[in-house]
C-alpha atoms as a PDB file:
ATOM      1  CA  UNK A   1      84.114 141.021  78.881  1.00  0.00           C
ATOM      2  CA  UNK A   2      81.626 138.764  80.812  1.00  0.00           C
ATOM      3  CA  UNK A   3      82.918 136.530  83.643  1.00  0.00           C
ATOM      4  CA  UNK A   4      83.495 133.040  82.685  1.00  0.00           C
ATOM      5  CA  UNK A   5      80.676 130.506  84.006  1.00  0.00           C
ATOM      6  CA  UNK A   6      81.770 127.709  85.988  1.00  0.00           C
ATOM      7  CA  UNK A   7      80.929 124.227  84.362  1.00  0.00           C
ATOM      8  CA  UNK A   8      78.626 122.606  86.781  1.00  0.00           C
ATOM      9  CA  UNK A   9      79.118 119.056  85.664  1.00  0.00           C
ATOM     10  CA  UNK A  10      82.755 119.567  86.427  1.00  0.00           C
ATOM     11  CA  UNK A  11      82.395 121.394  89.548  1.00  0.00           C
ATOM     12  CA  UNK A  12      80.320 118.711  91.211  1.00  0.00           C
ATOM     13  CA  UNK A  13      83.084 116.092  90.213  1.00  0.00           C
ATOM     14  CA  UNK A  14      86.326 117.707  90.510  1.00  0.00           C
ATOM     15  CA  UNK A  15      87.836 119.784  93.369  1.00  0.00           C
ATOM     16  CA  UNK A  16      91.063 121.980  92.934  1.00  0.00           C
ATOM     17  CA  UNK A  17      94.125 121.176  94.788  1.00  0.00           C
ATOM     18  CA  UNK A  18      96.358 124.046  96.596  1.00  0.00           C
ATOM     19  CA  UNK A  19      98.938 123.507  94.155  1.00  0.00           C
ATOM     20  CA  UNK A  20      96.425 123.907  91.252  1.00  0.00           C
ATOM     21  CA  UNK A  21      95.832 120.299  90.267  1.00  0.00           C
ATOM     22  CA  UNK A  22      92.912 118.496  90.294  1.00  0.00           C
ATOM     23  CA  UNK A  23      91.218 115.495  92.395  1.00  0.00           C
ATOM     24  CA  UNK A  24      88.406 113.153  91.721  1.00  0.00           C
ATOM     25  CA  UNK A  25      86.913 109.952  92.440  1.00  0.00           C
ATOM     26  CA  UNK A  26      87.469 106.944  90.912  1.00  0.00           C
ATOM     27  CA  UNK A  27      85.655 105.118  88.144  1.00  0.00           C
ATOM     28  CA  UNK A  28      84.556 101.328  88.335  1.00  0.00           C
ATOM     29  CA  UNK A  29      83.458 101.800  91.911  1.00  0.00           C
ATOM     30  CA  UNK A  30      79.700 101.480  91.874  1.00  0.00           C
ATOM     31  CA  UNK A  31      78.894  97.797  91.405  1.00  0.00           C
ATOM     32  CA  UNK A  32      80.528  94.443  90.143  1.00  0.00           C
ATOM     33  CA  UNK A  33      83.341  93.981  92.439  1.00  0.00           C
ATOM     34  CA  UNK A  34      83.365  90.325  92.145  1.00  0.00           C
ATOM     35  CA  UNK A  35      85.609  90.420  88.910  1.00  0.00           C
ATOM     36  CA  UNK A  36      88.022  92.787  90.946  1.00  0.00           C
ATOM     37  CA  UNK A  37      91.030  91.835  93.170  1.00  0.00           C
ATOM     38  CA  UNK A  38      91.205  93.225  96.650  1.00  0.00           C
ATOM     39  CA  UNK A  39      93.846  95.195  95.868  1.00  0.00           C
ATOM     40  CA  UNK A  40      91.949  96.915  93.135  1.00  0.00           C
ATOM     41  CA  UNK A  41      88.816  97.713  95.482  1.00  0.00           C
ATOM     42  CA  UNK A  42      91.216  98.758  98.229  1.00  0.00           C
ATOM     43  CA  UNK A  43      93.124 101.106  95.879  1.00  0.00           C
ATOM     44  CA  UNK A  44      89.492 102.375  94.086  1.00  0.00           C
ATOM     45  CA  UNK A  45      88.595 103.792  97.586  1.00  0.00           C
ATOM     46  CA  UNK A  46      90.634 106.960  97.778  1.00  0.00           C
ATOM     47  CA  UNK A  47      90.600 109.905  95.650  1.00  0.00           C
ATOM     48  CA  UNK A  48      92.941 110.116  92.442  1.00  0.00           C
ATOM     49  CA  UNK A  49      94.892 113.121  90.698  1.00  0.00           C
ATOM     50  CA  UNK A  50      93.566 114.204  87.238  1.00  0.00           C
ATOM     51  CA  UNK A  51      96.424 113.771  84.678  1.00  0.00           C
ATOM     52  CA  UNK A  52      98.483 116.589  84.007  1.00  0.00           C
ATOM     53  CA  UNK A  53      97.647 116.503  80.161  1.00  0.00           C
ATOM     54  CA  UNK A  54      93.904 117.502  81.026  1.00  0.00           C
ATOM     55  CA  UNK A  55      94.838 120.216  83.423  1.00  0.00           C
ATOM     56  CA  UNK A  56      94.853 123.131  81.136  1.00  0.00           C
ATOM     57  CA  UNK A  57      91.156 122.194  79.949  1.00  0.00           C
ATOM     58  CA  UNK A  58      90.008 121.930  83.403  1.00  0.00           C
ATOM     59  CA  UNK A  59      91.292 125.330  84.620  1.00  0.00           C
ATOM     60  CA  UNK A  60      88.912 126.551  81.801  1.00  0.00           C
ATOM     61  CA  UNK A  61      85.929 124.713  82.915  1.00  0.00           C
ATOM     62  CA  UNK A  62      86.940 125.458  86.664  1.00  0.00           C
ATOM     63  CA  UNK A  63      87.934 129.103  86.874  1.00  0.00           C
ATOM     64  CA  UNK A  64      89.442 130.093  90.166  1.00  0.00           C
ATOM     65  CA  UNK A  65      87.671 131.940  92.832  1.00  0.00           C
END
């Protein structure tokens, strides 16, 4: 059977963590900050973890090395 190909679009947006989860940047961070509170802007700076309901799908897209 051939090797699974990595989904390159997903590889650019998500990184696998040591425990097998996935982290990614947040959406809503490129422009139009005047409608957001300071708290929202501050919390959008960091990375966020992918929801556990999507992990199975992303493991197929990003096979382990």
